[in-house]
Amino acid sequence: MDRHLLALALLCAGTAALLLAAVALAVLPGPYLRLHALSPAATLGAPLVALALAVDTGPGRAAVKLLVIGLLLAAGGTITTMAVARTTVRARPEAER
């Protein structure tokens, strides 16, 4: 029972981060502000959801796979954010900063 409550708390935190990033994407002007708002979704929201699923699954191979996916999402989110920012700078040097 405790494991399920922890998984629910992690899932709620991850979902809240994803929803907050989605709202910020709709509200903020300019590509750099939007990119800054989406960065926590990629580096925090998705890995928290993967961690919640791993905790709910319990010990075993499936949990390890979910943890690896969470780590890849956390690392890949940062790299993707930097790549999109560099491409935006090259494509639109006059964009709002």
PDB file of N, CA and C in Angstrom:
ATOM      1  N   MET A   1       0.822  -1.200   0.000  1.00  0.00           N
ATOM      2  CA  MET A   1       0.000   0.000   0.000  1.00  0.00           C
ATOM      3  C   MET A   1       0.864   1.260   0.000  1.00  0.00           C
ATOM      4  N   ASP A   2       1.946   1.257   0.760  1.00  0.00           N
ATOM      5  CA  ASP A   2       2.814   2.428   0.816  1.00  0.00           C
ATOM      6  C   ASP A   2       3.484   2.682  -0.536  1.00  0.00           C
ATOM      7  N   ARG A   3       3.851   1.607  -1.221  1.00  0.00           N
ATOM      8  CA  ARG A   3       4.480   1.743  -2.528  1.00  0.00           C
ATOM      9  C   ARG A   3       3.537   2.415  -3.515  1.00  0.00           C
ATOM     10  N   HIS A   4       2.261   2.088  -3.441  1.00  0.00           N
ATOM     11  CA  HIS A   4       1.289   2.676  -4.359  1.00  0.00           C
ATOM     12  C   HIS A   4       1.063   4.154  -4.056  1.00  0.00           C
ATOM     13  N   LEU A   5       1.104   4.522  -2.782  1.00  0.00           N
ATOM     14  CA  LEU A   5       0.955   5.937  -2.437  1.00  0.00           C
ATOM     15  C   LEU A   5       2.157   6.750  -2.912  1.00  0.00           C
ATOM     16  N   LEU A   6       3.352   6.198  -2.764  1.00  0.00           N
ATOM     17  CA  LEU A   6       4.542   6.871  -3.262  1.00  0.00           C
ATOM     18  C   LEU A   6       4.480   7.009  -4.786  1.00  0.00           C
ATOM     19  N   ALA A   7       4.047   5.960  -5.457  1.00  0.00           N
ATOM     20  CA  ALA A   7       3.917   6.011  -6.913  1.00  0.00           C
ATOM     21  C   ALA A   7       2.887   7.060  -7.323  1.00  0.00           C
ATOM     22  N   LEU A   8       1.793   7.151  -6.583  1.00  0.00           N
ATOM     23  CA  LEU A   8       0.775   8.149  -6.886  1.00  0.00           C
ATOM     24  C   LEU A   8       1.313   9.558  -6.683  1.00  0.00           C
ATOM     25  N   ALA A   9       2.082   9.774  -5.624  1.00  0.00           N
ATOM     26  CA  ALA A   9       2.667  11.096  -5.374  1.00  0.00           C
ATOM     27  C   ALA A   9       3.647  11.472  -6.484  1.00  0.00           C
ATOM     28  N   LEU A  10       4.489  10.528  -6.901  1.00  0.00           N
ATOM     29  CA  LEU A  10       5.429  10.794  -7.993  1.00  0.00           C
ATOM     30  C   LEU A  10       4.695  11.063  -9.302  1.00  0.00           C
ATOM     31  N   LEU A  11       3.654  10.294  -9.552  1.00  0.00           N
ATOM     32  CA  LEU A  11       2.867  10.485 -10.768  1.00  0.00           C
ATOM     33  C   LEU A  11       2.197  11.853 -10.782  1.00  0.00           C
ATOM     34  N   CYS A  12       1.650  12.268  -9.655  1.00  0.00           N
ATOM     35  CA  CYS A  12       1.020  13.589  -9.569  1.00  0.00           C
ATOM     36  C   CYS A  12       2.043  14.706  -9.776  1.00  0.00           C
ATOM     37  N   ALA A  13       3.232  14.554  -9.196  1.00  0.00           N
ATOM     38  CA  ALA A  13       4.279  15.562  -9.367  1.00  0.00           C
ATOM     39  C   ALA A  13       4.722  15.636 -10.831  1.00  0.00           C
ATOM     40  N   GLY A  14       4.918  14.491 -11.469  1.00  0.00           N
ATOM     41  CA  GLY A  14       5.317  14.479 -12.868  1.00  0.00           C
ATOM     42  C   GLY A  14       4.250  15.051 -13.781  1.00  0.00           C
ATOM     43  N   THR A  15       3.006  14.699 -13.525  1.00  0.00           N
ATOM     44  CA  THR A  15       1.896  15.212 -14.325  1.00  0.00           C
ATOM     45  C   THR A  15       1.743  16.715 -14.133  1.00  0.00           C
ATOM     46  N   ALA A  16       1.922  17.184 -12.902  1.00  0.00           N
ATOM     47  CA  ALA A  16       1.833  18.624 -12.638  1.00  0.00           C
ATOM     48  C   ALA A  16       2.928  19.378 -13.399  1.00  0.00           C
ATOM     49  N   ALA A  17       4.129  18.839 -13.424  1.00  0.00           N
ATOM     50  CA  ALA A  17       5.220  19.485 -14.167  1.00  0.00           C
ATOM     51  C   ALA A  17       4.908  19.521 -15.662  1.00  0.00           C
ATOM     52  N   LEU A  18       4.353  18.439 -16.181  1.00  0.00           N
ATOM     53  CA  LEU A  18       4.008  18.396 -17.608  1.00  0.00           C
ATOM     54  C   LEU A  18       2.877  19.371 -17.939  1.00  0.00           C
ATOM     55  N   LEU A  19       1.865  19.432 -17.082  1.00  0.00           N
ATOM     56  CA  LEU A  19       0.747  20.350 -17.326  1.00  0.00           C
ATOM     57  C   LEU A  19       1.180  21.802 -17.203  1.00  0.00           C
ATOM     58  N   LEU A  20       2.020  22.099 -16.220  1.00  0.00           N
ATOM     59  CA  LEU A  20       2.511  23.464 -16.058  1.00  0.00           C
ATOM     60  C   LEU A  20       3.336  23.892 -17.271  1.00  0.00           C
ATOM     61  N   ALA A  21       4.138  22.998 -17.788  1.00  0.00           N
ATOM     62  CA  ALA A  21       4.916  23.304 -18.989  1.00  0.00           C
ATOM     63  C   ALA A  21       4.005  23.523 -20.192  1.00  0.00           C
ATOM     64  N   ALA A  22       2.937  22.747 -20.292  1.00  0.00           N
ATOM     65  CA  ALA A  22       2.002  22.925 -21.410  1.00  0.00           C
ATOM     66  C   ALA A  22       1.287  24.268 -21.325  1.00  0.00           C
ATOM     67  N   VAL A  23       0.897  24.668 -20.126  1.00  0.00           N
ATOM     68  CA  VAL A  23       0.248  25.973 -19.957  1.00  0.00           C
ATOM     69  C   VAL A  23       1.234  27.093 -20.283  1.00  0.00           C
ATOM     70  N   ALA A  24       2.464  26.955 -19.820  1.00  0.00           N
ATOM     71  CA  ALA A  24       3.478  27.972 -20.100  1.00  0.00           C
ATOM     72  C   ALA A  24       3.753  28.067 -21.596  1.00  0.00           C
ATOM     73  N   LEU A  25       3.734  26.946 -22.287  1.00  0.00           N
ATOM     74  CA  LEU A  25       3.941  26.957 -23.733  1.00  0.00           C
ATOM     75  C   LEU A  25       2.854  27.755 -24.432  1.00  0.00           C
ATOM     76  N   ALA A  26       1.634  27.640 -23.955  1.00  0.00           N
ATOM     77  CA  ALA A  26       0.523  28.349 -24.579  1.00  0.00           C
ATOM     78  C   ALA A  26       0.519  29.846 -24.240  1.00  0.00           C
ATOM     79  N   VAL A  27       1.080  30.213 -23.099  1.00  0.00           N
ATOM     80  CA  VAL A  27       0.984  31.587 -22.623  1.00  0.00           C
ATOM     81  C   VAL A  27       2.198  32.447 -22.980  1.00  0.00           C
ATOM     82  N   LEU A  28       3.379  31.895 -22.892  1.00  0.00           N
ATOM     83  CA  LEU A  28       4.593  32.690 -23.044  1.00  0.00           C
ATOM     84  C   LEU A  28       4.843  33.097 -24.497  1.00  0.00           C
ATOM     85  N   PRO A  29       5.312  34.326 -24.691  1.00  0.00           N
ATOM     86  CA  PRO A  29       5.641  34.774 -26.055  1.00  0.00           C
ATOM     87  C   PRO A  29       7.100  34.452 -26.381  1.00  0.00           C
ATOM     88  N   GLY A  30       7.381  34.281 -27.625  1.00  0.00           N
ATOM     89  CA  GLY A  30       8.758  34.113 -28.083  1.00  0.00           C
ATOM     90  C   GLY A  30       9.280  32.697 -27.940  1.00  0.00           C
ATOM     91  N   PRO A  31      10.138  32.312 -28.863  1.00  0.00           N
ATOM     92  CA  PRO A  31      10.632  30.934 -28.874  1.00  0.00           C
ATOM     93  C   PRO A  31      11.542  30.595 -27.696  1.00  0.00           C
ATOM     94  N   TYR A  32      12.323  31.557 -27.212  1.00  0.00           N
ATOM     95  CA  TYR A  32      13.256  31.252 -26.130  1.00  0.00           C
ATOM     96  C   TYR A  32      12.546  31.064 -24.796  1.00  0.00           C
ATOM     97  N   LEU A  33      11.530  31.860 -24.539  1.00  0.00           N
ATOM     98  CA  LEU A  33      10.750  31.683 -23.312  1.00  0.00           C
ATOM     99  C   LEU A  33       9.991  30.360 -23.344  1.00  0.00           C
ATOM    100  N   ARG A  34       9.455  30.017 -24.492  1.00  0.00           N
ATOM    101  CA  ARG A  34       8.741  28.741 -24.616  1.00  0.00           C
ATOM    102  C   ARG A  34       9.692  27.557 -24.435  1.00  0.00           C
ATOM    103  N   LEU A  35      10.859  27.679 -25.006  1.00  0.00           N
ATOM    104  CA  LEU A  35      11.855  26.617 -24.861  1.00  0.00           C
ATOM    105  C   LEU A  35      12.270  26.472 -23.407  1.00  0.00           C
ATOM    106  N   HIS A  36      12.421  27.592 -22.725  1.00  0.00           N
ATOM    107  CA  HIS A  36      12.775  27.560 -21.310  1.00  0.00           C
ATOM    108  C   HIS A  36      11.659  26.907 -20.492  1.00  0.00           C
ATOM    109  N   ALA A  37      10.421  27.132 -20.880  1.00  0.00           N
ATOM    110  CA  ALA A  37       9.297  26.544 -20.153  1.00  0.00           C
ATOM    111  C   ALA A  37       9.172  25.044 -20.404  1.00  0.00           C
ATOM    112  N   LEU A  38       9.566  24.583 -21.576  1.00  0.00           N
ATOM    113  CA  LEU A  38       9.447  23.165 -21.889  1.00  0.00           C
ATOM    114  C   LEU A  38      10.594  22.327 -21.336  1.00  0.00           C
ATOM    115  N   SER A  39      11.673  22.956 -20.985  1.00  0.00           N
ATOM    116  CA  SER A  39      12.825  22.225 -20.469  1.00  0.00           C
ATOM    117  C   SER A  39      12.495  21.410 -19.214  1.00  0.00           C
ATOM    118  N   PRO A  40      11.788  21.959 -18.224  1.00  0.00           N
ATOM    119  CA  PRO A  40      11.452  21.132 -17.053  1.00  0.00           C
ATOM    120  C   PRO A  40      10.549  19.950 -17.372  1.00  0.00           C
ATOM    121  N   ALA A  41       9.724  20.070 -18.391  1.00  0.00           N
ATOM    122  CA  ALA A  41       8.864  18.946 -18.758  1.00  0.00           C
ATOM    123  C   ALA A  41       9.690  17.770 -19.242  1.00  0.00           C
ATOM    124  N   ALA A  42      10.716  18.079 -20.015  1.00  0.00           N
ATOM    125  CA  ALA A  42      11.547  17.010 -20.564  1.00  0.00           C
ATOM    126  C   ALA A  42      12.510  16.445 -19.531  1.00  0.00           C
ATOM    127  N   THR A  43      13.015  17.305 -18.641  1.00  0.00           N
ATOM    128  CA  THR A  43      14.023  16.840 -17.697  1.00  0.00           C
ATOM    129  C   THR A  43      13.465  16.450 -16.341  1.00  0.00           C
ATOM    130  N   LEU A  44      12.228  16.833 -16.036  1.00  0.00           N
ATOM    131  CA  LEU A  44      11.657  16.533 -14.727  1.00  0.00           C
ATOM    132  C   LEU A  44      10.344  15.760 -14.838  1.00  0.00           C
ATOM    133  N   GLY A  45       9.427  16.228 -15.649  1.00  0.00           N
ATOM    134  CA  GLY A  45       8.096  15.630 -15.715  1.00  0.00           C
ATOM    135  C   GLY A  45       8.086  14.193 -16.198  1.00  0.00           C
ATOM    136  N   ALA A  46       8.658  13.953 -17.355  1.00  0.00           N
ATOM    137  CA  ALA A  46       8.666  12.600 -17.916  1.00  0.00           C
ATOM    138  C   ALA A  46       9.470  11.615 -17.062  1.00  0.00           C
ATOM    139  N   PRO A  47      10.648  11.983 -16.543  1.00  0.00           N
ATOM    140  CA  PRO A  47      11.357  11.045 -15.662  1.00  0.00           C
ATOM    141  C   PRO A  47      10.598  10.740 -14.365  1.00  0.00           C
ATOM    142  N   LEU A  48       9.861  11.715 -13.826  1.00  0.00           N
ATOM    143  CA  LEU A  48       9.060  11.438 -12.633  1.00  0.00           C
ATOM    144  C   LEU A  48       7.946  10.436 -12.928  1.00  0.00           C
ATOM    145  N   VAL A  49       7.357  10.544 -14.091  1.00  0.00           N
ATOM    146  CA  VAL A  49       6.318   9.578 -14.479  1.00  0.00           C
ATOM    147  C   VAL A  49       6.929   8.185 -14.626  1.00  0.00           C
ATOM    148  N   ALA A  50       8.102   8.111 -15.244  1.00  0.00           N
ATOM    149  CA  ALA A  50       8.774   6.811 -15.376  1.00  0.00           C
ATOM    150  C   ALA A  50       9.146   6.243 -14.011  1.00  0.00           C
ATOM    151  N   LEU A  51       9.596   7.098 -13.092  1.00  0.00           N
ATOM    152  CA  LEU A  51       9.924   6.650 -11.743  1.00  0.00           C
ATOM    153  C   LEU A  51       8.682   6.166 -11.011  1.00  0.00           C
ATOM    154  N   ALA A  52       7.566   6.858 -11.189  1.00  0.00           N
ATOM    155  CA  ALA A  52       6.316   6.425 -10.568  1.00  0.00           C
ATOM    156  C   ALA A  52       5.903   5.047 -11.073  1.00  0.00           C
ATOM    157  N   LEU A  53       6.045   4.817 -12.354  1.00  0.00           N
ATOM    158  CA  LEU A  53       5.709   3.510 -12.905  1.00  0.00           C
ATOM    159  C   LEU A  53       6.644   2.427 -12.388  1.00  0.00           C
ATOM    160  N   ALA A  54       7.926   2.761 -12.233  1.00  0.00           N
ATOM    161  CA  ALA A  54       8.885   1.786 -11.701  1.00  0.00           C
ATOM    162  C   ALA A  54       8.581   1.443 -10.253  1.00  0.00           C
ATOM    163  N   VAL A  55       8.218   2.433  -9.471  1.00  0.00           N
ATOM    164  CA  VAL A  55       7.878   2.181  -8.067  1.00  0.00           C
ATOM    165  C   VAL A  55       6.616   1.337  -7.980  1.00  0.00           C
ATOM    166  N   ASP A  56       5.636   1.640  -8.807  1.00  0.00           N
ATOM    167  CA  ASP A  56       4.381   0.883  -8.771  1.00  0.00           C
ATOM    168  C   ASP A  56       4.569  -0.547  -9.264  1.00  0.00           C
ATOM    169  N   THR A  57       5.480  -0.750 -10.197  1.00  0.00           N
ATOM    170  CA  THR A  57       5.750  -2.088 -10.726  1.00  0.00           C
ATOM    171  C   THR A  57       6.376  -2.984  -9.670  1.00  0.00           C
ATOM    172  N   GLY A  58       7.210  -2.407  -8.831  1.00  0.00           N
ATOM    173  CA  GLY A  58       7.891  -3.201  -7.806  1.00  0.00           C
ATOM    174  C   GLY A  58       9.234  -3.698  -8.321  1.00  0.00           C
ATOM    175  N   PRO A  59       9.977  -4.367  -7.459  1.00  0.00           N
ATOM    176  CA  PRO A  59      11.305  -4.829  -7.860  1.00  0.00           C
ATOM    177  C   PRO A  59      11.226  -5.845  -9.000  1.00  0.00           C
ATOM    178  N   GLY A  60      12.194  -5.745  -9.885  1.00  0.00           N
ATOM    179  CA  GLY A  60      12.238  -6.686 -11.002  1.00  0.00           C
ATOM    180  C   GLY A  60      12.790  -6.049 -12.248  1.00  0.00           C
ATOM    181  N   ARG A  61      12.790  -6.829 -13.291  1.00  0.00           N
ATOM    182  CA  ARG A  61      13.351  -6.396 -14.564  1.00  0.00           C
ATOM    183  C   ARG A  61      12.561  -5.237 -15.168  1.00  0.00           C
ATOM    184  N   ALA A  62      11.264  -5.249 -15.046  1.00  0.00           N
ATOM    185  CA  ALA A  62      10.442  -4.176 -15.613  1.00  0.00           C
ATOM    186  C   ALA A  62      10.754  -2.841 -14.942  1.00  0.00           C
ATOM    187  N   ALA A  63      10.969  -2.849 -13.633  1.00  0.00           N
ATOM    188  CA  ALA A  63      11.296  -1.613 -12.919  1.00  0.00           C
ATOM    189  C   ALA A  63      12.649  -1.079 -13.366  1.00  0.00           C
ATOM    190  N   VAL A  64      13.601  -1.955 -13.581  1.00  0.00           N
ATOM    191  CA  VAL A  64      14.927  -1.523 -14.042  1.00  0.00           C
ATOM    192  C   VAL A  64      14.812  -0.902 -15.428  1.00  0.00           C
ATOM    193  N   LYS A  65      14.032  -1.493 -16.283  1.00  0.00           N
ATOM    194  CA  LYS A  65      13.835  -0.936 -17.627  1.00  0.00           C
ATOM    195  C   LYS A  65      13.199   0.447 -17.547  1.00  0.00           C
ATOM    196  N   LEU A  66      12.214   0.605 -16.671  1.00  0.00           N
ATOM    197  CA  LEU A  66      11.568   1.900 -16.524  1.00  0.00           C
ATOM    198  C   LEU A  66      12.528   2.949 -15.968  1.00  0.00           C
ATOM    199  N   LEU A  67      13.396   2.559 -15.050  1.00  0.00           N
ATOM    200  CA  LEU A  67      14.388   3.489 -14.512  1.00  0.00           C
ATOM    201  C   LEU A  67      15.390   3.908 -15.578  1.00  0.00           C
ATOM    202  N   VAL A  68      15.790   2.978 -16.426  1.00  0.00           N
ATOM    203  CA  VAL A  68      16.698   3.323 -17.525  1.00  0.00           C
ATOM    204  C   VAL A  68      16.009   4.290 -18.487  1.00  0.00           C
ATOM    205  N   ILE A  69      14.752   4.046 -18.777  1.00  0.00           N
ATOM    206  CA  ILE A  69      14.002   4.954 -19.644  1.00  0.00           C
ATOM    207  C   ILE A  69      13.923   6.340 -19.009  1.00  0.00           C
ATOM    208  N   GLY A  70      13.673   6.408 -17.704  1.00  0.00           N
ATOM    209  CA  GLY A  70      13.632   7.689 -17.006  1.00  0.00           C
ATOM    210  C   GLY A  70      14.957   8.431 -17.077  1.00  0.00           C
ATOM    211  N   LEU A  71      16.069   7.711 -16.911  1.00  0.00           N
ATOM    212  CA  LEU A  71      17.386   8.342 -17.015  1.00  0.00           C
ATOM    213  C   LEU A  71      17.652   8.840 -18.433  1.00  0.00           C
ATOM    214  N   LEU A  72      17.262   8.049 -19.422  1.00  0.00           N
ATOM    215  CA  LEU A  72      17.439   8.483 -20.812  1.00  0.00           C
ATOM    216  C   LEU A  72      16.588   9.715 -21.128  1.00  0.00           C
ATOM    217  N   LEU A  73      15.385   9.764 -20.577  1.00  0.00           N
ATOM    218  CA  LEU A  73      14.531  10.937 -20.791  1.00  0.00           C
ATOM    219  C   LEU A  73      15.128  12.176 -20.133  1.00  0.00           C
ATOM    220  N   ALA A  74      15.678  12.012 -18.930  1.00  0.00           N
ATOM    221  CA  ALA A  74      16.277  13.153 -18.235  1.00  0.00           C
ATOM    222  C   ALA A  74      17.498  13.674 -18.985  1.00  0.00           C
ATOM    223  N   ALA A  75      18.352  12.774 -19.426  1.00  0.00           N
ATOM    224  CA  ALA A  75      19.550  13.191 -20.161  1.00  0.00           C
ATOM    225  C   ALA A  75      19.189  13.692 -21.559  1.00  0.00           C
ATOM    226  N   GLY A  76      18.301  12.987 -22.224  1.00  0.00           N
ATOM    227  CA  GLY A  76      17.910  13.376 -23.578  1.00  0.00           C
ATOM    228  C   GLY A  76      17.143  14.678 -23.621  1.00  0.00           C
ATOM    229  N   GLY A  77      16.393  14.969 -22.580  1.00  0.00           N
ATOM    230  CA  GLY A  77      15.647  16.228 -22.539  1.00  0.00           C
ATOM    231  C   GLY A  77      16.567  17.431 -22.532  1.00  0.00           C
ATOM    232  N   THR A  78      17.624  17.352 -21.775  1.00  0.00           N
ATOM    233  CA  THR A  78      18.590  18.441 -21.715  1.00  0.00           C
ATOM    234  C   THR A  78      19.290  18.616 -23.056  1.00  0.00           C
ATOM    235  N   ILE A  79      19.706  17.527 -23.644  1.00  0.00           N
ATOM    236  CA  ILE A  79      20.410  17.589 -24.926  1.00  0.00           C
ATOM    237  C   ILE A  79      19.487  18.110 -26.024  1.00  0.00           C
ATOM    238  N   THR A  80      18.252  17.653 -26.026  1.00  0.00           N
ATOM    239  CA  THR A  80      17.292  18.110 -27.026  1.00  0.00           C
ATOM    240  C   THR A  80      17.001  19.596 -26.873  1.00  0.00           C
ATOM    241  N   THR A  81      16.873  20.062 -25.641  1.00  0.00           N
ATOM    242  CA  THR A  81      16.619  21.479 -25.404  1.00  0.00           C
ATOM    243  C   THR A  81      17.766  22.331 -25.940  1.00  0.00           C
ATOM    244  N   MET A  82      18.988  21.912 -25.684  1.00  0.00           N
ATOM    245  CA  MET A  82      20.140  22.662 -26.192  1.00  0.00           C
ATOM    246  C   MET A  82      20.193  22.636 -27.714  1.00  0.00           C
ATOM    247  N   ALA A  83      19.887  21.510 -28.320  1.00  0.00           N
ATOM    248  CA  ALA A  83      19.923  21.411 -29.781  1.00  0.00           C
ATOM    249  C   ALA A  83      18.855  22.298 -30.421  1.00  0.00           C
ATOM    250  N   VAL A  84      17.664  22.310 -29.855  1.00  0.00           N
ATOM    251  CA  VAL A  84      16.597  23.153 -30.395  1.00  0.00           C
ATOM    252  C   VAL A  84      16.950  24.632 -30.223  1.00  0.00           C
ATOM    253  N   ALA A  85      17.550  24.988 -29.100  1.00  0.00           N
ATOM    254  CA  ALA A  85      17.945  26.382 -28.875  1.00  0.00           C
ATOM    255  C   ALA A  85      19.004  26.817 -29.884  1.00  0.00           C
ATOM    256  N   ARG A  86      19.989  25.982 -30.124  1.00  0.00           N
ATOM    257  CA  ARG A  86      21.032  26.334 -31.098  1.00  0.00           C
ATOM    258  C   ARG A  86      20.452  26.470 -32.505  1.00  0.00           C
ATOM    259  N   THR A  87      19.541  25.585 -32.857  1.00  0.00           N
ATOM    260  CA  THR A  87      18.919  25.661 -34.177  1.00  0.00           C
ATOM    261  C   THR A  87      18.078  26.925 -34.301  1.00  0.00           C
ATOM    262  N   THR A  88      17.388  27.296 -33.238  1.00  0.00           N
ATOM    263  CA  THR A  88      16.580  28.513 -33.253  1.00  0.00           C
ATOM    264  C   THR A  88      17.452  29.745 -33.408  1.00  0.00           C
ATOM    265  N   VAL A  89      18.580  29.768 -32.722  1.00  0.00           N
ATOM    266  CA  VAL A  89      19.492  30.904 -32.839  1.00  0.00           C
ATOM    267  C   VAL A  89      20.026  31.022 -34.260  1.00  0.00           C
ATOM    268  N   ARG A  90      20.365  29.904 -34.864  1.00  0.00           N
ATOM    269  CA  ARG A  90      20.892  29.935 -36.231  1.00  0.00           C
ATOM    270  C   ARG A  90      19.820  30.316 -37.251  1.00  0.00           C
ATOM    271  N   ALA A  91      18.614  29.834 -37.034  1.00  0.00           N
ATOM    272  CA  ALA A  91      17.543  30.081 -37.991  1.00  0.00           C
ATOM    273  C   ALA A  91      16.943  31.480 -37.831  1.00  0.00           C
ATOM    274  N   ARG A  92      16.865  31.953 -36.590  1.00  0.00           N
ATOM    275  CA  ARG A  92      16.224  33.232 -36.313  1.00  0.00           C
ATOM    276  C   ARG A  92      17.093  34.067 -35.379  1.00  0.00           C
ATOM    277  N   PRO A  93      18.158  34.651 -35.851  1.00  0.00           N
ATOM    278  CA  PRO A  93      19.014  35.417 -34.958  1.00  0.00           C
ATOM    279  C   PRO A  93      18.327  36.676 -34.424  1.00  0.00           C
ATOM    280  N   GLU A  94      17.282  37.135 -35.103  1.00  0.00           N
ATOM    281  CA  GLU A  94      16.568  38.343 -34.659  1.00  0.00           C
ATOM    282  C   GLU A  94      15.431  38.019 -33.698  1.00  0.00           C
ATOM    283  N   ALA A  95      15.239  36.739 -33.341  1.00  0.00           N
ATOM    284  CA  ALA A  95      14.125  36.347 -32.484  1.00  0.00           C
ATOM    285  C   ALA A  95      14.232  37.017 -31.111  1.00  0.00           C
ATOM    286  N   GLU A  96      13.076  37.118 -30.462  1.00  0.00           N
ATOM    287  CA  GLU A  96      13.024  37.748 -29.136  1.00  0.00           C
ATOM    288  C   GLU A  96      13.922  37.015 -28.167  1.00  0.00           C
ATOM    289  N   ARG A  97      14.641  37.748 -27.373  1.00  0.00           N
ATOM    290  CA  ARG A  97      15.517  37.125 -26.375  1.00  0.00           C
ATOM    291  C   ARG A  97      15.141  37.520 -25.008  1.00  0.00           C
TER     292      ARG A  97
END
